[in-house]
Amino acid sequence: MATEVRAFERVLAALAEVQRSEAREYSSFSVRGKRFGYYWPRTRTVGLKQTISEQLALVSERPDVFEVQFTAGGFGWVVVYLDRIEADELAELVYEAWRLTAPEDLVAEVPFTRIARA
């Protein structure tokens, strides 16, 4: 059930205009200057932007896989444990985080079917 970091990175590579920034303990991911995700190698966790309703649903349904990270600007961020999630579900969540952040014209260029093949 564990998802390899390479699978996460393949999804990021399939998305358009993703910028990666490195900090001491984590990497962050943005599209056109707006952040949509984080990765912490030490804990093998990913933080992803979601709607607040999705954040609450994920955490309440599977608290062993997801936890609340924070809420900001009308969005709920979730922490995802890579060792406890399937790669296809993670791909959907990463795409959704990117889609919530990217401009509409960019989203139109990158359908989820392109990501599902990554």
N, C-alpha and C. Protein backbone atom coordinates (compact mmCIF):
# COMPACT_ATOMS: atom_id res chain seq x y z
N MET A 1 0.81 -1.20 0.00
CA MET A 1 0.00 0.00 0.00
C MET A 1 0.85 1.26 0.00
N ALA A 2 2.07 1.20 0.42
CA ALA A 2 2.93 2.38 0.48
C ALA A 2 3.18 2.95 -0.91
N THR A 3 3.25 4.25 -0.97
CA THR A 3 3.56 4.94 -2.22
C THR A 3 5.01 5.40 -2.18
N GLU A 4 5.73 5.10 -3.21
CA GLU A 4 7.12 5.52 -3.31
C GLU A 4 7.17 7.02 -3.63
N VAL A 5 8.20 7.68 -3.16
CA VAL A 5 8.39 9.10 -3.44
C VAL A 5 8.50 9.32 -4.95
N ARG A 6 9.07 8.36 -5.66
CA ARG A 6 9.18 8.49 -7.13
C ARG A 6 7.81 8.64 -7.79
N ALA A 7 6.80 7.95 -7.27
CA ALA A 7 5.45 8.07 -7.83
C ALA A 7 4.91 9.48 -7.62
N PHE A 8 5.15 10.04 -6.46
CA PHE A 8 4.76 11.41 -6.16
C PHE A 8 5.47 12.37 -7.13
N GLU A 9 6.75 12.17 -7.33
CA GLU A 9 7.53 13.04 -8.22
C GLU A 9 7.11 12.90 -9.68
N ARG A 10 6.68 11.70 -10.10
CA ARG A 10 6.18 11.52 -11.47
C ARG A 10 4.90 12.33 -11.70
N VAL A 11 4.03 12.36 -10.71
CA VAL A 11 2.80 13.15 -10.83
C VAL A 11 3.15 14.63 -10.93
N LEU A 12 4.05 15.09 -10.10
CA LEU A 12 4.46 16.50 -10.16
C LEU A 12 5.05 16.84 -11.53
N ALA A 13 5.83 15.94 -12.08
CA ALA A 13 6.47 16.18 -13.38
C ALA A 13 5.45 16.24 -14.51
N ALA A 14 4.32 15.56 -14.35
CA ALA A 14 3.29 15.55 -15.39
C ALA A 14 2.43 16.81 -15.37
N LEU A 15 2.49 17.56 -14.28
CA LEU A 15 1.72 18.80 -14.17
C LEU A 15 2.47 19.95 -14.83
N ALA A 16 1.75 20.95 -15.25
CA ALA A 16 2.37 22.09 -15.94
C ALA A 16 2.83 23.15 -14.95
N GLU A 17 4.01 23.69 -15.23
CA GLU A 17 4.56 24.87 -14.55
C GLU A 17 4.73 24.71 -13.04
N VAL A 18 5.11 23.53 -12.60
CA VAL A 18 5.36 23.31 -11.18
C VAL A 18 6.77 23.79 -10.84
N GLN A 19 6.85 24.64 -9.84
CA GLN A 19 8.15 25.09 -9.34
C GLN A 19 8.40 24.43 -7.99
N ARG A 20 9.61 23.92 -7.82
CA ARG A 20 10.01 23.28 -6.57
C ARG A 20 10.98 24.19 -5.85
N SER A 21 10.75 24.39 -4.56
CA SER A 21 11.65 25.18 -3.72
C SER A 21 12.13 24.30 -2.58
N GLU A 22 13.41 24.38 -2.29
CA GLU A 22 14.00 23.57 -1.23
C GLU A 22 14.24 24.41 0.02
N ALA A 23 13.80 23.89 1.14
CA ALA A 23 14.10 24.46 2.44
C ALA A 23 14.94 23.42 3.19
N ARG A 24 15.34 23.72 4.38
CA ARG A 24 16.20 22.80 5.11
C ARG A 24 15.56 21.44 5.35
N GLU A 25 14.29 21.41 5.73
CA GLU A 25 13.66 20.15 6.10
C GLU A 25 12.52 19.72 5.19
N TYR A 26 12.23 20.51 4.16
CA TYR A 26 11.12 20.15 3.29
C TYR A 26 11.29 20.79 1.92
N SER A 27 10.51 20.30 0.97
CA SER A 27 10.40 20.91 -0.36
C SER A 27 8.98 21.44 -0.48
N SER A 28 8.82 22.53 -1.21
CA SER A 28 7.47 23.04 -1.46
C SER A 28 7.26 23.13 -2.97
N PHE A 29 5.99 23.08 -3.37
CA PHE A 29 5.63 23.05 -4.77
C PHE A 29 4.59 24.12 -5.05
N SER A 30 4.82 24.88 -6.12
CA SER A 30 3.95 26.00 -6.48
C SER A 30 3.66 25.96 -7.97
N VAL A 31 2.61 26.66 -8.35
CA VAL A 31 2.30 26.89 -9.75
C VAL A 31 2.04 28.39 -9.89
N ARG A 32 2.81 29.01 -10.77
CA ARG A 32 2.74 30.46 -10.99
C ARG A 32 2.78 31.24 -9.67
N GLY A 33 3.68 30.82 -8.81
CA GLY A 33 3.93 31.53 -7.56
C GLY A 33 2.98 31.23 -6.42
N LYS A 34 2.04 30.33 -6.63
CA LYS A 34 1.08 29.99 -5.57
C LYS A 34 1.31 28.55 -5.13
N ARG A 35 1.48 28.37 -3.83
CA ARG A 35 1.84 27.07 -3.27
C ARG A 35 0.65 26.13 -3.23
N PHE A 36 0.91 24.85 -3.55
CA PHE A 36 -0.13 23.83 -3.46
C PHE A 36 0.33 22.57 -2.74
N GLY A 37 1.61 22.44 -2.43
CA GLY A 37 2.05 21.23 -1.76
C GLY A 37 3.40 21.33 -1.10
N TYR A 38 3.66 20.36 -0.23
CA TYR A 38 4.93 20.24 0.51
C TYR A 38 5.31 18.76 0.56
N TYR A 39 6.61 18.51 0.75
CA TYR A 39 7.09 17.16 1.00
C TYR A 39 8.15 17.21 2.09
N TRP A 40 7.99 16.35 3.12
CA TRP A 40 8.95 16.24 4.22
C TRP A 40 9.59 14.86 4.15
N PRO A 41 10.83 14.76 3.68
CA PRO A 41 11.49 13.45 3.55
C PRO A 41 11.64 12.71 4.88
N ARG A 42 11.93 13.42 5.95
CA ARG A 42 12.18 12.76 7.24
C ARG A 42 10.96 11.96 7.70
N THR A 43 9.77 12.50 7.48
CA THR A 43 8.55 11.82 7.93
C THR A 43 7.82 11.09 6.80
N ARG A 44 8.33 11.21 5.57
CA ARG A 44 7.68 10.64 4.39
C ARG A 44 6.22 11.05 4.33
N THR A 45 6.00 12.36 4.48
CA THR A 45 4.66 12.92 4.40
C THR A 45 4.61 14.03 3.36
N VAL A 46 3.39 14.23 2.86
CA VAL A 46 3.12 15.26 1.87
C VAL A 46 2.01 16.13 2.43
N GLY A 47 2.12 17.44 2.27
CA GLY A 47 1.04 18.35 2.63
C GLY A 47 0.40 18.86 1.35
N LEU A 48 -0.93 18.77 1.26
CA LEU A 48 -1.62 19.14 0.03
C LEU A 48 -2.81 20.05 0.30
N LYS A 49 -2.97 21.03 -0.56
CA LYS A 49 -4.11 21.93 -0.53
C LYS A 49 -5.36 21.18 -0.98
N GLN A 50 -6.45 21.35 -0.26
CA GLN A 50 -7.74 20.74 -0.61
C GLN A 50 -8.84 21.74 -0.23
N THR A 51 -10.06 21.44 -0.61
CA THR A 51 -11.17 22.24 -0.10
C THR A 51 -11.33 21.87 1.37
N ILE A 52 -11.96 22.73 2.13
CA ILE A 52 -12.16 22.43 3.55
C ILE A 52 -13.04 21.20 3.71
N SER A 53 -14.07 21.07 2.88
CA SER A 53 -14.94 19.89 3.01
C SER A 53 -14.18 18.60 2.69
N GLU A 54 -13.30 18.64 1.72
CA GLU A 54 -12.49 17.46 1.39
C GLU A 54 -11.50 17.16 2.52
N GLN A 55 -10.89 18.19 3.07
CA GLN A 55 -9.98 18.01 4.20
C GLN A 55 -10.69 17.27 5.34
N LEU A 56 -11.86 17.75 5.70
CA LEU A 56 -12.61 17.15 6.81
C LEU A 56 -13.04 15.72 6.49
N ALA A 57 -13.45 15.48 5.25
CA ALA A 57 -13.87 14.13 4.86
C ALA A 57 -12.70 13.16 4.91
N LEU A 58 -11.57 13.55 4.36
CA LEU A 58 -10.40 12.66 4.35
C LEU A 58 -9.96 12.31 5.76
N VAL A 59 -9.85 13.33 6.60
CA VAL A 59 -9.35 13.12 7.97
C VAL A 59 -10.34 12.29 8.79
N SER A 60 -11.63 12.55 8.64
CA SER A 60 -12.60 11.80 9.44
C SER A 60 -12.74 10.35 8.96
N GLU A 61 -12.60 10.12 7.66
CA GLU A 61 -12.74 8.76 7.13
C GLU A 61 -11.51 7.89 7.40
N ARG A 62 -10.32 8.48 7.32
CA ARG A 62 -9.09 7.70 7.46
C ARG A 62 -8.01 8.48 8.22
N PRO A 63 -8.20 8.64 9.52
CA PRO A 63 -7.23 9.41 10.31
C PRO A 63 -5.85 8.76 10.39
N ASP A 64 -5.74 7.49 10.01
CA ASP A 64 -4.44 6.82 9.99
C ASP A 64 -3.63 7.22 8.76
N VAL A 65 -4.29 7.80 7.74
CA VAL A 65 -3.64 8.18 6.49
C VAL A 65 -3.51 9.70 6.38
N PHE A 66 -4.51 10.43 6.89
CA PHE A 66 -4.58 11.88 6.73
C PHE A 66 -4.69 12.56 8.09
N GLU A 67 -4.14 13.77 8.16
CA GLU A 67 -4.37 14.62 9.33
C GLU A 67 -4.48 16.06 8.86
N VAL A 68 -5.15 16.85 9.66
CA VAL A 68 -5.29 18.27 9.35
C VAL A 68 -3.93 18.94 9.49
N GLN A 69 -3.55 19.69 8.47
CA GLN A 69 -2.31 20.46 8.56
C GLN A 69 -2.64 21.88 9.02
N PHE A 70 -3.46 22.59 8.24
CA PHE A 70 -3.94 23.91 8.62
C PHE A 70 -5.03 24.33 7.65
N THR A 71 -5.71 25.42 7.95
CA THR A 71 -6.65 26.02 7.01
C THR A 71 -6.19 27.45 6.75
N ALA A 72 -6.37 27.87 5.51
CA ALA A 72 -5.97 29.24 5.14
C ALA A 72 -6.66 29.61 3.83
N GLY A 73 -7.14 30.83 3.77
CA GLY A 73 -7.72 31.34 2.53
C GLY A 73 -8.87 30.51 1.99
N GLY A 74 -9.65 29.90 2.87
CA GLY A 74 -10.78 29.09 2.43
C GLY A 74 -10.41 27.69 2.01
N PHE A 75 -9.17 27.28 2.24
CA PHE A 75 -8.73 25.94 1.88
C PHE A 75 -8.28 25.19 3.12
N GLY A 76 -8.43 23.86 3.08
CA GLY A 76 -7.97 23.01 4.16
C GLY A 76 -6.82 22.15 3.67
N TRP A 77 -5.69 22.27 4.30
CA TRP A 77 -4.52 21.49 3.91
C TRP A 77 -4.48 20.20 4.72
N VAL A 78 -4.08 19.11 4.06
CA VAL A 78 -3.98 17.82 4.73
C VAL A 78 -2.55 17.29 4.65
N VAL A 79 -2.17 16.58 5.69
CA VAL A 79 -0.93 15.82 5.69
C VAL A 79 -1.29 14.42 5.25
N VAL A 80 -0.51 13.88 4.31
CA VAL A 80 -0.74 12.53 3.78
C VAL A 80 0.49 11.68 4.09
N TYR A 81 0.28 10.53 4.71
CA TYR A 81 1.36 9.61 5.00
C TYR A 81 1.59 8.71 3.79
N LEU A 82 2.73 8.85 3.13
CA LEU A 82 3.00 8.08 1.91
C LEU A 82 3.01 6.58 2.15
N ASP A 83 3.37 6.15 3.34
CA ASP A 83 3.41 4.72 3.64
C ASP A 83 2.02 4.11 3.80
N ARG A 84 0.98 4.95 3.76
CA ARG A 84 -0.37 4.45 4.04
C ARG A 84 -1.38 4.76 2.93
N ILE A 85 -0.90 5.15 1.75
CA ILE A 85 -1.80 5.53 0.67
C ILE A 85 -1.36 4.89 -0.64
N GLU A 86 -2.32 4.55 -1.47
CA GLU A 86 -2.04 4.00 -2.80
C GLU A 86 -1.62 5.12 -3.74
N ALA A 87 -0.79 4.81 -4.71
CA ALA A 87 -0.26 5.80 -5.64
C ALA A 87 -1.36 6.48 -6.46
N ASP A 88 -2.39 5.74 -6.87
CA ASP A 88 -3.44 6.35 -7.69
C ASP A 88 -4.27 7.35 -6.89
N GLU A 89 -4.51 7.06 -5.61
CA GLU A 89 -5.24 8.02 -4.78
C GLU A 89 -4.40 9.26 -4.52
N LEU A 90 -3.11 9.07 -4.29
CA LEU A 90 -2.23 10.21 -4.10
C LEU A 90 -2.20 11.08 -5.36
N ALA A 91 -2.16 10.45 -6.53
CA ALA A 91 -2.16 11.21 -7.79
C ALA A 91 -3.40 12.10 -7.89
N GLU A 92 -4.55 11.56 -7.52
CA GLU A 92 -5.78 12.35 -7.55
C GLU A 92 -5.70 13.56 -6.61
N LEU A 93 -5.16 13.35 -5.42
CA LEU A 93 -5.07 14.43 -4.44
C LEU A 93 -4.06 15.50 -4.87
N VAL A 94 -2.94 15.07 -5.45
CA VAL A 94 -1.94 16.03 -5.93
C VAL A 94 -2.54 16.84 -7.08
N TYR A 95 -3.21 16.16 -8.00
CA TYR A 95 -3.84 16.87 -9.12
C TYR A 95 -4.85 17.89 -8.60
N GLU A 96 -5.66 17.48 -7.64
CA GLU A 96 -6.67 18.39 -7.09
C GLU A 96 -6.01 19.60 -6.43
N ALA A 97 -4.94 19.39 -5.69
CA ALA A 97 -4.22 20.51 -5.06
C ALA A 97 -3.70 21.48 -6.11
N TRP A 98 -3.12 20.92 -7.17
CA TRP A 98 -2.61 21.74 -8.27
C TRP A 98 -3.76 22.46 -8.97
N ARG A 99 -4.85 21.75 -9.25
CA ARG A 99 -6.02 22.31 -9.94
C ARG A 99 -6.64 23.46 -9.16
N LEU A 100 -6.68 23.33 -7.83
CA LEU A 100 -7.23 24.40 -6.99
C LEU A 100 -6.37 25.65 -7.02
N THR A 101 -5.14 25.53 -7.46
CA THR A 101 -4.17 26.61 -7.41
C THR A 101 -3.87 27.21 -8.77
N ALA A 102 -3.82 26.39 -9.79
CA ALA A 102 -3.43 26.84 -11.14
C ALA A 102 -4.54 27.68 -11.78
N PRO A 103 -4.16 28.60 -12.67
CA PRO A 103 -5.17 29.37 -13.42
C PRO A 103 -5.97 28.44 -14.34
N GLU A 104 -7.20 28.83 -14.63
CA GLU A 104 -8.11 27.99 -15.42
C GLU A 104 -7.53 27.59 -16.78
N ASP A 105 -6.83 28.52 -17.45
CA ASP A 105 -6.28 28.19 -18.77
C ASP A 105 -5.25 27.08 -18.68
N LEU A 106 -4.48 27.07 -17.62
CA LEU A 106 -3.48 26.02 -17.43
C LEU A 106 -4.15 24.69 -17.08
N VAL A 107 -5.16 24.74 -16.25
CA VAL A 107 -5.90 23.52 -15.89
C VAL A 107 -6.51 22.89 -17.15
N ALA A 108 -7.02 23.72 -18.05
CA ALA A 108 -7.62 23.21 -19.29
C ALA A 108 -6.61 22.46 -20.15
N GLU A 109 -5.33 22.82 -20.03
CA GLU A 109 -4.28 22.17 -20.81
C GLU A 109 -3.85 20.82 -20.24
N VAL A 110 -4.15 20.58 -18.95
CA VAL A 110 -3.67 19.37 -18.28
C VAL A 110 -4.84 18.62 -17.66
N PRO A 111 -5.50 17.78 -18.43
CA PRO A 111 -6.60 16.98 -17.85
C PRO A 111 -6.04 15.89 -16.93
N PHE A 112 -6.88 15.42 -16.02
CA PHE A 112 -6.43 14.39 -15.09
C PHE A 112 -5.99 13.13 -15.81
N THR A 113 -6.57 12.85 -16.96
CA THR A 113 -6.17 11.63 -17.70
C THR A 113 -4.68 11.65 -18.01
N ARG A 114 -4.12 12.80 -18.23
CA ARG A 114 -2.67 12.90 -18.47
C ARG A 114 -1.89 12.51 -17.22
N ILE A 115 -2.41 12.87 -16.08
CA ILE A 115 -1.74 12.57 -14.81
C ILE A 115 -1.89 11.09 -14.48
N ALA A 116 -3.06 10.54 -14.75
CA ALA A 116 -3.31 9.14 -14.44
C ALA A 116 -2.36 8.21 -15.17
N ARG A 117 -1.85 8.66 -16.32
CA ARG A 117 -0.91 7.84 -17.08
C ARG A 117 0.53 8.03 -16.60
N ALA A 118 0.77 8.99 -15.74
CA ALA A 118 2.15 9.30 -15.31
C ALA A 118 2.75 8.19 -14.49
